[in-house]
Amino acid sequence: MTEELELAVAAAAAGDRDAMRTLYEALASRVAGYLEFRGAEDPAGMTNDVFVRVLARMAEVTGGWPGFRAYVFTVAHGKLVDELRSRHRRPVHLEYEADSDPRTHASAEDQALDRAGGSDALAVLDLLPEDQRAVVTLRVLGELTVKETAVAIGRSEVAVKKLQSKALGSLRMLLSTEPSGPGSAAASEGLR
């Protein structure tokens, strides 16, 4: 086999396509295995690139079959190093998955409803002025946009945003107040 590969190297250097195919078939799977083991993103594609480069420079290869084999793996290693370096320079693109993002927080509306519980939430909403209560319920329960809420209550979008902000601020304050003093029983009763 080595003698046949020695002849193939000489013939490929002279431009024989069949000899080039023989050399490719003799080493391609080994080169691809090396590249895959070392972490190449596309070992098969890189193997093809290696052979395109090597076969174009066959006239420069010396040392017969052992020299050719060494040259092929030298080119493969160089291409792999280039890929690994460029991989460190470019950012990795990952798809955003909101469910696994630790930086996300529940909206103020969701936090208020979670803290207050089902029926208690309605009691807390009753403490808000009518226009603020309307905005919050339309936005949260109705899932309306600011524009849709503005149309529904006959106010401007700016007014809706201000009412929502005031309502959420009031809800935060009402729901974050922890009863802790002598008047805490009365404060608790006022929220129920």
C-alpha atoms as a PDB file:
ATOM      1  CA  MET A   1       0.000   0.000   0.000  1.00  0.00           C
ATOM      2  CA  THR A   2       2.805   2.429   0.859  1.00  0.00           C
ATOM      3  CA  GLU A   3       4.390   1.830  -2.546  1.00  0.00           C
ATOM      4  CA  GLU A   4       1.059   2.609  -4.256  1.00  0.00           C
ATOM      5  CA  LEU A   5       0.761   5.833  -2.222  1.00  0.00           C
ATOM      6  CA  GLU A   6       4.350   6.799  -3.101  1.00  0.00           C
ATOM      7  CA  LEU A   7       3.443   6.481  -6.775  1.00  0.00           C
ATOM      8  CA  ALA A   8       0.210   8.427  -6.192  1.00  0.00           C
ATOM      9  CA  VAL A   9       2.141  11.318  -4.622  1.00  0.00           C
ATOM     10  CA  ALA A  10       4.448  11.515  -7.655  1.00  0.00           C
ATOM     11  CA  ALA A  11       1.525  11.249 -10.092  1.00  0.00           C
ATOM     12  CA  ALA A  12      -0.528  13.873  -8.189  1.00  0.00           C
ATOM     13  CA  ALA A  13       2.449  16.248  -8.319  1.00  0.00           C
ATOM     14  CA  ALA A  14       2.336  15.840 -12.116  1.00  0.00           C
ATOM     15  CA  GLY A  15      -1.416  16.686 -12.125  1.00  0.00           C
ATOM     16  CA  ASP A  16      -3.018  13.205 -12.262  1.00  0.00           C
ATOM     17  CA  ARG A  17      -6.581  13.556 -10.914  1.00  0.00           C
ATOM     18  CA  ASP A  18      -6.998   9.863 -10.119  1.00  0.00           C
ATOM     19  CA  ALA A  19      -3.829   9.985  -8.021  1.00  0.00           C
ATOM     20  CA  MET A  20      -5.199  13.028  -6.168  1.00  0.00           C
ATOM     21  CA  ARG A  21      -8.410  11.115  -5.441  1.00  0.00           C
ATOM     22  CA  THR A  22      -6.356   8.165  -4.136  1.00  0.00           C
ATOM     23  CA  LEU A  23      -4.446  10.436  -1.773  1.00  0.00           C
ATOM     24  CA  TYR A  24      -7.676  12.096  -0.596  1.00  0.00           C
ATOM     25  CA  GLU A  25      -9.310   8.732   0.091  1.00  0.00           C
ATOM     26  CA  ALA A  26      -6.225   7.529   1.956  1.00  0.00           C
ATOM     27  CA  LEU A  27      -6.132  10.445   4.412  1.00  0.00           C
ATOM     28  CA  ALA A  28      -9.476  12.281   4.454  1.00  0.00           C
ATOM     29  CA  SER A  29     -11.107  10.191   7.178  1.00  0.00           C
ATOM     30  CA  ARG A  30      -8.039  10.490   9.421  1.00  0.00           C
ATOM     31  CA  VAL A  31      -7.833  14.242   8.922  1.00  0.00           C
ATOM     32  CA  ALA A  32     -11.558  14.638   9.606  1.00  0.00           C
ATOM     33  CA  GLY A  33     -11.222  12.508  12.753  1.00  0.00           C
ATOM     34  CA  TYR A  34      -8.313  14.622  13.967  1.00  0.00           C
ATOM     35  CA  LEU A  35     -10.214  17.859  13.334  1.00  0.00           C
ATOM     36  CA  GLU A  36     -13.365  16.549  15.004  1.00  0.00           C
ATOM     37  CA  PHE A  37     -11.449  15.309  18.035  1.00  0.00           C
ATOM     38  CA  ARG A  38      -9.733  18.697  18.388  1.00  0.00           C
ATOM     39  CA  GLY A  39     -13.062  20.563  18.288  1.00  0.00           C
ATOM     40  CA  ALA A  40     -13.456  21.870  14.728  1.00  0.00           C
ATOM     41  CA  GLU A  41     -16.941  23.259  14.093  1.00  0.00           C
ATOM     42  CA  ASP A  42     -17.165  21.610  10.654  1.00  0.00           C
ATOM     43  CA  PRO A  43     -14.565  18.826  10.407  1.00  0.00           C
ATOM     44  CA  ALA A  44     -15.756  17.565   7.015  1.00  0.00           C
ATOM     45  CA  GLY A  45     -15.760  21.024   5.472  1.00  0.00           C
ATOM     46  CA  MET A  46     -12.367  21.845   6.939  1.00  0.00           C
ATOM     47  CA  THR A  47     -10.990  18.534   5.635  1.00  0.00           C
ATOM     48  CA  ASN A  48     -12.097  19.510   2.151  1.00  0.00           C
ATOM     49  CA  ASP A  49     -10.448  22.927   2.580  1.00  0.00           C
ATOM     50  CA  VAL A  50      -7.211  21.240   3.678  1.00  0.00           C
ATOM     51  CA  PHE A  51      -7.103  19.050   0.593  1.00  0.00           C
ATOM     52  CA  VAL A  52      -7.970  21.912  -1.752  1.00  0.00           C
ATOM     53  CA  ARG A  53      -4.996  23.795  -0.375  1.00  0.00           C
ATOM     54  CA  VAL A  54      -2.635  20.806  -0.345  1.00  0.00           C
ATOM     55  CA  LEU A  55      -3.512  19.462  -3.776  1.00  0.00           C
ATOM     56  CA  ALA A  56      -3.050  22.915  -5.321  1.00  0.00           C
ATOM     57  CA  ARG A  57       0.538  22.908  -3.999  1.00  0.00           C
ATOM     58  CA  MET A  58       1.457  19.302  -4.786  1.00  0.00           C
ATOM     59  CA  ALA A  59       4.506  20.327  -6.825  1.00  0.00           C
ATOM     60  CA  GLU A  60       6.051  21.797  -3.637  1.00  0.00           C
ATOM     61  CA  VAL A  61       5.593  18.638  -1.527  1.00  0.00           C
ATOM     62  CA  THR A  62       8.791  16.739  -0.815  1.00  0.00           C
ATOM     63  CA  GLY A  63       9.507  13.483   0.984  1.00  0.00           C
ATOM     64  CA  GLY A  64       7.130  11.175  -0.882  1.00  0.00           C
ATOM     65  CA  TRP A  65       4.192   9.689   1.015  1.00  0.00           C
ATOM     66  CA  PRO A  66       5.514  10.441   4.532  1.00  0.00           C
ATOM     67  CA  GLY A  67       6.244  14.044   3.513  1.00  0.00           C
ATOM     68  CA  PHE A  68       2.798  14.397   1.925  1.00  0.00           C
ATOM     69  CA  ARG A  69       1.063  12.959   4.985  1.00  0.00           C
ATOM     70  CA  ALA A  70       3.017  15.290   7.294  1.00  0.00           C
ATOM     71  CA  TYR A  71       2.218  18.265   5.083  1.00  0.00           C
ATOM     72  CA  VAL A  72      -1.521  17.429   5.067  1.00  0.00           C
ATOM     73  CA  PHE A  73      -1.644  17.266   8.864  1.00  0.00           C
ATOM     74  CA  THR A  74       0.435  20.432   9.157  1.00  0.00           C
ATOM     75  CA  VAL A  75      -2.079  22.296   6.996  1.00  0.00           C
ATOM     76  CA  ALA A  76      -4.988  20.733   8.927  1.00  0.00           C
ATOM     77  CA  HIS A  77      -3.480  21.780  12.236  1.00  0.00           C
ATOM     78  CA  GLY A  78      -2.866  25.318  10.972  1.00  0.00           C
ATOM     79  CA  LYS A  79      -6.456  25.660   9.766  1.00  0.00           C
ATOM     80  CA  LEU A  80      -7.727  24.355  13.101  1.00  0.00           C
ATOM     81  CA  VAL A  81      -5.607  26.827  15.061  1.00  0.00           C
ATOM     82  CA  ASP A  82      -6.907  29.655  12.865  1.00  0.00           C
ATOM     83  CA  GLU A  83     -10.495  28.568  13.517  1.00  0.00           C
ATOM     84  CA  LEU A  84      -9.992  28.309  17.258  1.00  0.00           C
ATOM     85  CA  ARG A  85      -8.401  31.752  17.400  1.00  0.00           C
ATOM     86  CA  SER A  86     -11.154  33.343  15.338  1.00  0.00           C
ATOM     87  CA  ARG A  87     -13.771  31.647  17.508  1.00  0.00           C
ATOM     88  CA  HIS A  88     -12.360  33.424  20.567  1.00  0.00           C
ATOM     89  CA  ARG A  89     -12.480  36.764  18.753  1.00  0.00           C
ATOM     90  CA  ARG A  90     -16.071  36.586  17.615  1.00  0.00           C
ATOM     91  CA  PRO A  91     -19.024  36.585  19.959  1.00  0.00           C
ATOM     92  CA  VAL A  92     -21.016  33.415  20.358  1.00  0.00           C
ATOM     93  CA  HIS A  93     -24.581  33.775  19.146  1.00  0.00           C
ATOM     94  CA  LEU A  94     -27.101  32.177  21.444  1.00  0.00           C
ATOM     95  CA  GLU A  95     -30.850  32.309  21.098  1.00  0.00           C
ATOM     96  CA  TYR A  96     -32.544  34.276  23.857  1.00  0.00           C
ATOM     97  CA  GLU A  97     -34.744  32.167  26.107  1.00  0.00           C
ATOM     98  CA  ALA A  98     -36.771  34.395  28.400  1.00  0.00           C
ATOM     99  CA  ASP A  99     -37.784  31.517  30.672  1.00  0.00           C
ATOM    100  CA  SER A 100     -34.175  30.765  31.611  1.00  0.00           C
ATOM    101  CA  ASP A 101     -32.994  34.377  31.952  1.00  0.00           C
ATOM    102  CA  PRO A 102     -32.174  35.018  35.616  1.00  0.00           C
ATOM    103  CA  ARG A 103     -32.240  38.784  35.044  1.00  0.00           C
ATOM    104  CA  THR A 104     -35.970  38.883  34.360  1.00  0.00           C
ATOM    105  CA  HIS A 105     -38.340  40.038  37.038  1.00  0.00           C
ATOM    106  CA  ALA A 106     -42.062  39.899  37.312  1.00  0.00           C
ATOM    107  CA  SER A 107     -43.823  43.114  36.421  1.00  0.00           C
ATOM    108  CA  ALA A 108     -45.077  45.320  39.217  1.00  0.00           C
ATOM    109  CA  GLU A 109     -48.606  44.285  38.354  1.00  0.00           C
ATOM    110  CA  ASP A 110     -47.766  40.595  38.648  1.00  0.00           C
ATOM    111  CA  GLN A 111     -45.888  41.143  41.907  1.00  0.00           C
ATOM    112  CA  ALA A 112     -48.808  43.051  43.385  1.00  0.00           C
ATOM    113  CA  LEU A 113     -51.292  40.364  42.414  1.00  0.00           C
ATOM    114  CA  ASP A 114     -49.009  37.583  43.686  1.00  0.00           C
ATOM    115  CA  ARG A 115     -48.506  39.254  47.055  1.00  0.00           C
ATOM    116  CA  ALA A 116     -52.131  40.120  47.549  1.00  0.00           C
ATOM    117  CA  GLY A 117     -53.611  36.811  46.454  1.00  0.00           C
ATOM    118  CA  GLY A 118     -56.872  36.395  44.512  1.00  0.00           C
ATOM    119  CA  SER A 119     -59.637  38.041  46.523  1.00  0.00           C
ATOM    120  CA  ASP A 120     -57.263  40.280  48.489  1.00  0.00           C
ATOM    121  CA  ALA A 121     -56.039  41.805  45.212  1.00  0.00           C
ATOM    122  CA  LEU A 122     -59.505  43.068  44.475  1.00  0.00           C
ATOM    123  CA  ALA A 123     -59.690  44.589  47.953  1.00  0.00           C
ATOM    124  CA  VAL A 124     -56.355  46.386  47.417  1.00  0.00           C
ATOM    125  CA  LEU A 125     -57.512  47.628  44.011  1.00  0.00           C
ATOM    126  CA  ASP A 126     -60.600  49.060  45.724  1.00  0.00           C
ATOM    127  CA  LEU A 127     -58.268  51.371  47.671  1.00  0.00           C
ATOM    128  CA  LEU A 128     -57.195  53.041  44.398  1.00  0.00           C
ATOM    129  CA  PRO A 129     -59.091  55.944  42.860  1.00  0.00           C
ATOM    130  CA  GLU A 130     -61.561  54.858  40.176  1.00  0.00           C
ATOM    131  CA  ASP A 131     -59.534  56.072  37.184  1.00  0.00           C
ATOM    132  CA  GLN A 132     -56.350  54.328  38.426  1.00  0.00           C
ATOM    133  CA  ARG A 133     -58.295  51.141  39.181  1.00  0.00           C
ATOM    134  CA  ALA A 134     -59.792  51.209  35.674  1.00  0.00           C
ATOM    135  CA  VAL A 135     -56.374  51.574  34.053  1.00  0.00           C
ATOM    136  CA  VAL A 136     -54.798  48.780  36.101  1.00  0.00           C
ATOM    137  CA  THR A 137     -57.630  46.333  35.544  1.00  0.00           C
ATOM    138  CA  LEU A 138     -57.800  47.060  31.815  1.00  0.00           C
ATOM    139  CA  ARG A 139     -54.038  46.753  31.404  1.00  0.00           C
ATOM    140  CA  VAL A 140     -53.567  43.673  33.606  1.00  0.00           C
ATOM    141  CA  LEU A 141     -56.780  41.708  33.414  1.00  0.00           C
ATOM    142  CA  GLY A 142     -57.861  42.918  29.994  1.00  0.00           C
ATOM    143  CA  GLU A 143     -54.304  42.772  28.635  1.00  0.00           C
ATOM    144  CA  LEU A 144     -54.955  45.969  26.679  1.00  0.00           C
ATOM    145  CA  THR A 145     -52.184  48.142  25.291  1.00  0.00           C
ATOM    146  CA  VAL A 146     -51.767  51.727  26.480  1.00  0.00           C
ATOM    147  CA  LYS A 147     -53.449  52.925  23.290  1.00  0.00           C
ATOM    148  CA  GLU A 148     -56.358  50.500  23.655  1.00  0.00           C
ATOM    149  CA  THR A 149     -56.780  51.473  27.313  1.00  0.00           C
ATOM    150  CA  ALA A 150     -56.791  55.178  26.377  1.00  0.00           C
ATOM    151  CA  VAL A 151     -59.562  54.578  23.863  1.00  0.00           C
ATOM    152  CA  ALA A 152     -61.517  52.468  26.361  1.00  0.00           C
ATOM    153  CA  ILE A 153     -61.510  55.119  29.107  1.00  0.00           C
ATOM    154  CA  GLY A 154     -61.603  58.147  26.807  1.00  0.00           C
ATOM    155  CA  ARG A 155     -58.257  59.610  27.922  1.00  0.00           C
ATOM    156  CA  SER A 156     -54.967  60.304  26.176  1.00  0.00           C
ATOM    157  CA  GLU A 157     -52.141  57.761  26.137  1.00  0.00           C
ATOM    158  CA  VAL A 158     -50.032  60.110  28.276  1.00  0.00           C
ATOM    159  CA  ALA A 159     -52.836  60.271  30.850  1.00  0.00           C
ATOM    160  CA  VAL A 160     -53.092  56.471  30.877  1.00  0.00           C
ATOM    161  CA  LYS A 161     -49.333  56.142  31.444  1.00  0.00           C
ATOM    162  CA  LYS A 162     -49.461  58.631  34.324  1.00  0.00           C
ATOM    163  CA  LEU A 163     -52.480  56.922  35.911  1.00  0.00           C
ATOM    164  CA  GLN A 164     -50.807  53.538  35.580  1.00  0.00           C
ATOM    165  CA  SER A 165     -47.590  54.829  37.126  1.00  0.00           C
ATOM    166  CA  LYS A 166     -49.442  56.370  40.063  1.00  0.00           C
ATOM    167  CA  ALA A 167     -51.535  53.253  40.572  1.00  0.00           C
ATOM    168  CA  LEU A 168     -48.526  50.949  40.523  1.00  0.00           C
ATOM    169  CA  GLY A 169     -46.664  53.200  42.935  1.00  0.00           C
ATOM    170  CA  SER A 170     -49.637  53.140  45.302  1.00  0.00           C
ATOM    171  CA  LEU A 171     -49.967  49.378  45.000  1.00  0.00           C
ATOM    172  CA  ARG A 172     -46.259  48.876  45.695  1.00  0.00           C
ATOM    173  CA  MET A 173     -46.521  51.029  48.780  1.00  0.00           C
ATOM    174  CA  LEU A 174     -49.712  49.351  50.006  1.00  0.00           C
ATOM    175  CA  LEU A 175     -48.471  45.820  49.413  1.00  0.00           C
ATOM    176  CA  SER A 176     -44.927  46.275  50.715  1.00  0.00           C
ATOM    177  CA  THR A 177     -46.033  47.721  54.032  1.00  0.00           C
ATOM    178  CA  GLU A 178     -45.381  45.029  56.602  1.00  0.00           C
ATOM    179  CA  PRO A 179     -47.487  45.367  59.754  1.00  0.00           C
ATOM    180  CA  SER A 180     -44.988  45.856  62.564  1.00  0.00           C
ATOM    181  CA  GLY A 181     -46.240  48.260  65.217  1.00  0.00           C
ATOM    182  CA  PRO A 182     -49.155  48.928  67.588  1.00  0.00           C
ATOM    183  CA  GLY A 183     -51.310  50.199  64.732  1.00  0.00           C
ATOM    184  CA  SER A 184     -50.463  47.213  62.556  1.00  0.00           C
ATOM    185  CA  ALA A 185     -53.721  45.414  63.250  1.00  0.00           C
ATOM    186  CA  ALA A 186     -55.670  48.409  62.017  1.00  0.00           C
ATOM    187  CA  ALA A 187     -53.398  48.674  58.985  1.00  0.00           C
ATOM    188  CA  SER A 188     -53.933  45.000  58.218  1.00  0.00           C
ATOM    189  CA  GLU A 189     -57.671  45.361  58.581  1.00  0.00           C
ATOM    190  CA  GLY A 190     -57.627  48.348  56.192  1.00  0.00           C
ATOM    191  CA  LEU A 191     -56.059  46.164  53.466  1.00  0.00           C
ATOM    192  CA  ARG A 192     -58.593  43.371  53.818  1.00  0.00           C
END
